[in-house]
Amino acid sequence: MDSYCKNLASEDHPFVSPLLLPCKVLERFPPVRLVLSGIDPLHDDGYQFAYKLCMLNKDVKVIDNKLLPHGFLNFGLAPLLGGE
């Protein structure tokens, strides 16, 4: 955790994850498009975040690339996803 946010006093700080943001902040979000990868330790967190936004009646869509790893957008694979 220290290498990710070493200046934060708690793992419960909202800068650690958007899941920790209070609803009053999320209610101000514009439409959200979540691009998830299936081989990713954060995959389920993405769906939890989408669910939280849906419960606030926010416009949210999830694109789940089940066979791609975490960070796949950095690998130059994005053009291959045109059909999804």
N, C-alpha and C. Protein backbone atom coordinates (compact mmCIF):
# COMPACT_ATOMS: atom_id res chain seq x y z
N MET A 1 0.82 -1.18 0.00
CA MET A 1 0.00 0.00 0.00
C MET A 1 0.87 1.26 0.00
N ASP A 2 1.97 1.22 0.71
CA ASP A 2 2.82 2.41 0.79
C ASP A 2 3.36 2.85 -0.57
N SER A 3 3.61 1.90 -1.46
CA SER A 3 4.12 2.29 -2.77
C SER A 3 3.03 2.91 -3.64
N TYR A 4 1.76 2.66 -3.29
CA TYR A 4 0.66 3.21 -4.07
C TYR A 4 0.23 4.58 -3.54
N CYS A 5 0.08 4.72 -2.26
CA CYS A 5 -0.33 6.00 -1.66
C CYS A 5 0.34 6.16 -0.31
N LYS A 6 1.60 6.45 -0.32
CA LYS A 6 2.37 6.49 0.92
C LYS A 6 2.03 7.65 1.84
N ASN A 7 1.37 8.67 1.34
CA ASN A 7 1.07 9.83 2.19
C ASN A 7 -0.34 9.78 2.79
N LEU A 8 -1.05 8.71 2.56
CA LEU A 8 -2.40 8.60 3.12
C LEU A 8 -2.34 7.88 4.46
N ALA A 9 -3.14 8.35 5.38
CA ALA A 9 -3.12 7.80 6.73
C ALA A 9 -3.90 6.49 6.85
N SER A 10 -4.77 6.19 5.88
CA SER A 10 -5.66 5.05 6.03
C SER A 10 -5.96 4.41 4.69
N GLU A 11 -6.14 3.10 4.69
CA GLU A 11 -6.56 2.40 3.48
C GLU A 11 -8.03 2.70 3.17
N ASP A 12 -8.73 3.34 4.08
CA ASP A 12 -10.13 3.70 3.88
C ASP A 12 -10.30 5.07 3.24
N HIS A 13 -9.20 5.69 2.85
CA HIS A 13 -9.27 7.01 2.22
C HIS A 13 -9.86 6.87 0.82
N PRO A 14 -10.75 7.77 0.39
CA PRO A 14 -11.38 7.67 -0.93
C PRO A 14 -10.41 7.76 -2.10
N PHE A 15 -9.20 8.25 -1.89
CA PHE A 15 -8.23 8.28 -2.99
C PHE A 15 -7.72 6.88 -3.31
N VAL A 16 -7.92 5.92 -2.42
CA VAL A 16 -7.46 4.56 -2.63
C VAL A 16 -8.33 3.86 -3.66
N SER A 17 -9.63 4.10 -3.63
CA SER A 17 -10.56 3.44 -4.55
C SER A 17 -11.82 4.30 -4.70
N PRO A 18 -12.36 4.36 -5.92
CA PRO A 18 -13.61 5.09 -6.09
C PRO A 18 -14.77 4.44 -5.32
N LEU A 19 -14.63 3.17 -4.96
CA LEU A 19 -15.66 2.52 -4.15
C LEU A 19 -15.82 3.19 -2.79
N LEU A 20 -14.80 3.88 -2.34
CA LEU A 20 -14.82 4.52 -1.03
C LEU A 20 -15.37 5.94 -1.06
N LEU A 21 -15.66 6.44 -2.25
CA LEU A 21 -16.20 7.80 -2.35
C LEU A 21 -17.60 7.85 -1.75
N PRO A 22 -17.91 8.91 -1.04
CA PRO A 22 -19.28 9.04 -0.51
C PRO A 22 -20.29 9.24 -1.63
N CYS A 23 -21.51 8.82 -1.38
CA CYS A 23 -22.57 8.93 -2.38
C CYS A 23 -22.78 10.37 -2.83
N LYS A 24 -22.60 11.33 -1.93
CA LYS A 24 -22.82 12.72 -2.32
C LYS A 24 -21.83 13.16 -3.40
N VAL A 25 -20.67 12.53 -3.46
CA VAL A 25 -19.71 12.81 -4.54
C VAL A 25 -20.10 12.06 -5.80
N LEU A 26 -20.44 10.79 -5.66
CA LEU A 26 -20.80 9.97 -6.82
C LEU A 26 -22.04 10.50 -7.52
N GLU A 27 -22.95 11.10 -6.79
CA GLU A 27 -24.17 11.65 -7.39
C GLU A 27 -23.86 12.76 -8.39
N ARG A 28 -22.69 13.35 -8.29
CA ARG A 28 -22.30 14.44 -9.20
C ARG A 28 -21.53 13.94 -10.42
N PHE A 29 -21.29 12.62 -10.51
CA PHE A 29 -20.53 12.05 -11.62
C PHE A 29 -21.31 12.20 -12.93
N PRO A 30 -20.58 12.42 -14.02
CA PRO A 30 -21.21 12.38 -15.35
C PRO A 30 -21.44 10.91 -15.73
N PRO A 31 -21.99 10.64 -16.93
CA PRO A 31 -22.10 9.24 -17.36
C PRO A 31 -20.73 8.54 -17.28
N VAL A 32 -20.76 7.27 -16.88
CA VAL A 32 -19.52 6.52 -16.64
C VAL A 32 -19.45 5.31 -17.56
N ARG A 33 -18.29 5.10 -18.16
CA ARG A 33 -18.00 3.90 -18.96
C ARG A 33 -16.81 3.22 -18.31
N LEU A 34 -17.03 2.02 -17.82
CA LEU A 34 -15.98 1.26 -17.16
C LEU A 34 -15.46 0.20 -18.12
N VAL A 35 -14.15 0.19 -18.34
CA VAL A 35 -13.52 -0.82 -19.17
C VAL A 35 -12.76 -1.74 -18.23
N LEU A 36 -13.23 -2.99 -18.14
CA LEU A 36 -12.65 -3.96 -17.22
C LEU A 36 -11.89 -5.03 -17.98
N SER A 37 -10.96 -5.65 -17.30
CA SER A 37 -10.26 -6.80 -17.87
C SER A 37 -10.48 -7.99 -16.95
N GLY A 38 -10.69 -9.15 -17.57
CA GLY A 38 -11.04 -10.34 -16.80
C GLY A 38 -9.91 -10.90 -15.97
N ILE A 39 -8.68 -10.72 -16.43
CA ILE A 39 -7.52 -11.25 -15.70
C ILE A 39 -6.93 -10.09 -14.91
N ASP A 40 -7.63 -9.73 -13.87
CA ASP A 40 -7.30 -8.52 -13.12
C ASP A 40 -7.78 -8.65 -11.68
N PRO A 41 -6.91 -8.41 -10.72
CA PRO A 41 -7.36 -8.51 -9.33
C PRO A 41 -8.41 -7.44 -8.96
N LEU A 42 -8.55 -6.42 -9.80
CA LEU A 42 -9.53 -5.36 -9.54
C LEU A 42 -10.84 -5.56 -10.32
N HIS A 43 -10.97 -6.66 -11.03
CA HIS A 43 -12.14 -6.91 -11.88
C HIS A 43 -13.44 -6.80 -11.10
N ASP A 44 -13.54 -7.49 -9.98
CA ASP A 44 -14.78 -7.48 -9.19
C ASP A 44 -15.06 -6.10 -8.60
N ASP A 45 -14.00 -5.37 -8.28
CA ASP A 45 -14.18 -4.00 -7.78
C ASP A 45 -14.85 -3.13 -8.83
N GLY A 46 -14.51 -3.35 -10.10
CA GLY A 46 -15.14 -2.59 -11.18
C GLY A 46 -16.64 -2.81 -11.22
N TYR A 47 -17.06 -4.08 -11.06
CA TYR A 47 -18.50 -4.37 -11.04
C TYR A 47 -19.16 -3.81 -9.78
N GLN A 48 -18.47 -3.84 -8.67
CA GLN A 48 -19.03 -3.25 -7.45
C GLN A 48 -19.23 -1.75 -7.61
N PHE A 49 -18.26 -1.11 -8.26
CA PHE A 49 -18.37 0.33 -8.50
C PHE A 49 -19.54 0.62 -9.43
N ALA A 50 -19.68 -0.18 -10.49
CA ALA A 50 -20.80 0.00 -11.42
C ALA A 50 -22.13 -0.18 -10.68
N TYR A 51 -22.21 -1.17 -9.81
CA TYR A 51 -23.44 -1.41 -9.05
C TYR A 51 -23.76 -0.21 -8.15
N LYS A 52 -22.72 0.31 -7.49
CA LYS A 52 -22.93 1.47 -6.61
C LYS A 52 -23.47 2.66 -7.40
N LEU A 53 -22.92 2.88 -8.59
CA LEU A 53 -23.40 3.97 -9.44
C LEU A 53 -24.83 3.72 -9.91
N CYS A 54 -25.13 2.47 -10.26
CA CYS A 54 -26.50 2.13 -10.69
C CYS A 54 -27.51 2.38 -9.56
N MET A 55 -27.12 2.07 -8.35
CA MET A 55 -28.01 2.28 -7.21
C MET A 55 -28.29 3.76 -6.99
N LEU A 56 -27.42 4.61 -7.53
CA LEU A 56 -27.63 6.06 -7.45
C LEU A 56 -28.30 6.60 -8.72
N ASN A 57 -28.79 5.67 -9.56
CA ASN A 57 -29.45 6.01 -10.83
C ASN A 57 -28.54 6.77 -11.79
N LYS A 58 -27.26 6.44 -11.77
CA LYS A 58 -26.32 7.06 -12.69
C LYS A 58 -26.27 6.27 -13.99
N ASP A 59 -25.93 6.95 -15.07
CA ASP A 59 -25.77 6.31 -16.38
C ASP A 59 -24.40 5.63 -16.39
N VAL A 60 -24.40 4.30 -16.34
CA VAL A 60 -23.14 3.56 -16.30
C VAL A 60 -23.21 2.36 -17.24
N LYS A 61 -22.15 2.14 -17.98
CA LYS A 61 -22.03 0.98 -18.86
C LYS A 61 -20.69 0.30 -18.58
N VAL A 62 -20.70 -1.02 -18.63
CA VAL A 62 -19.49 -1.81 -18.36
C VAL A 62 -19.10 -2.55 -19.63
N ILE A 63 -17.83 -2.42 -20.00
CA ILE A 63 -17.25 -3.19 -21.09
C ILE A 63 -16.27 -4.15 -20.43
N ASP A 64 -16.58 -5.44 -20.49
CA ASP A 64 -15.78 -6.45 -19.80
C ASP A 64 -15.00 -7.27 -20.82
N ASN A 65 -13.70 -7.07 -20.86
CA ASN A 65 -12.81 -7.80 -21.76
C ASN A 65 -12.24 -9.00 -20.98
N LYS A 66 -12.99 -10.08 -20.99
CA LYS A 66 -12.73 -11.20 -20.10
C LYS A 66 -11.37 -11.87 -20.26
N LEU A 67 -10.79 -11.85 -21.45
CA LEU A 67 -9.54 -12.57 -21.68
C LEU A 67 -8.30 -11.70 -21.60
N LEU A 68 -8.47 -10.44 -21.26
CA LEU A 68 -7.32 -9.54 -21.24
C LEU A 68 -6.86 -9.28 -19.81
N PRO A 69 -5.54 -9.02 -19.65
CA PRO A 69 -4.99 -8.80 -18.32
C PRO A 69 -5.10 -7.35 -17.86
N HIS A 70 -4.87 -7.16 -16.58
CA HIS A 70 -4.81 -5.83 -15.98
C HIS A 70 -3.80 -4.98 -16.76
N GLY A 71 -4.17 -3.75 -17.04
CA GLY A 71 -3.26 -2.84 -17.73
C GLY A 71 -3.20 -3.05 -19.23
N PHE A 72 -4.13 -3.81 -19.80
CA PHE A 72 -4.05 -4.15 -21.23
C PHE A 72 -4.03 -2.94 -22.13
N LEU A 73 -4.62 -1.83 -21.71
CA LEU A 73 -4.62 -0.63 -22.56
C LEU A 73 -3.20 -0.10 -22.79
N ASN A 74 -2.29 -0.45 -21.89
CA ASN A 74 -0.89 -0.03 -22.05
C ASN A 74 -0.11 -0.93 -22.99
N PHE A 75 -0.70 -2.03 -23.42
CA PHE A 75 -0.01 -3.00 -24.27
C PHE A 75 -0.26 -2.79 -25.75
N GLY A 76 -0.99 -1.76 -26.12
CA GLY A 76 -1.27 -1.51 -27.53
C GLY A 76 -2.35 -2.43 -28.08
N LEU A 77 -3.17 -3.01 -27.21
CA LEU A 77 -4.22 -3.93 -27.65
C LEU A 77 -5.55 -3.23 -27.92
N ALA A 78 -5.68 -1.99 -27.56
CA ALA A 78 -6.96 -1.29 -27.68
C ALA A 78 -7.54 -1.34 -29.09
N PRO A 79 -6.75 -1.18 -30.16
CA PRO A 79 -7.34 -1.24 -31.50
C PRO A 79 -7.98 -2.58 -31.82
N LEU A 80 -7.56 -3.64 -31.16
CA LEU A 80 -8.11 -4.97 -31.40
C LEU A 80 -9.50 -5.13 -30.81
N LEU A 81 -9.93 -4.18 -30.00
CA LEU A 81 -11.20 -4.30 -29.29
C LEU A 81 -12.33 -3.59 -29.99
N GLY A 82 -12.12 -3.16 -31.22
CA GLY A 82 -13.10 -2.35 -31.92
C GLY A 82 -14.50 -2.93 -31.98
N GLY A 83 -14.63 -4.25 -31.97
CA GLY A 83 -15.94 -4.86 -32.07
C GLY A 83 -16.68 -4.95 -30.77
N GLU A 84 -16.07 -4.61 -29.66
CA GLU A 84 -16.74 -4.74 -28.34
C GLU A 84 -17.34 -3.45 -27.90
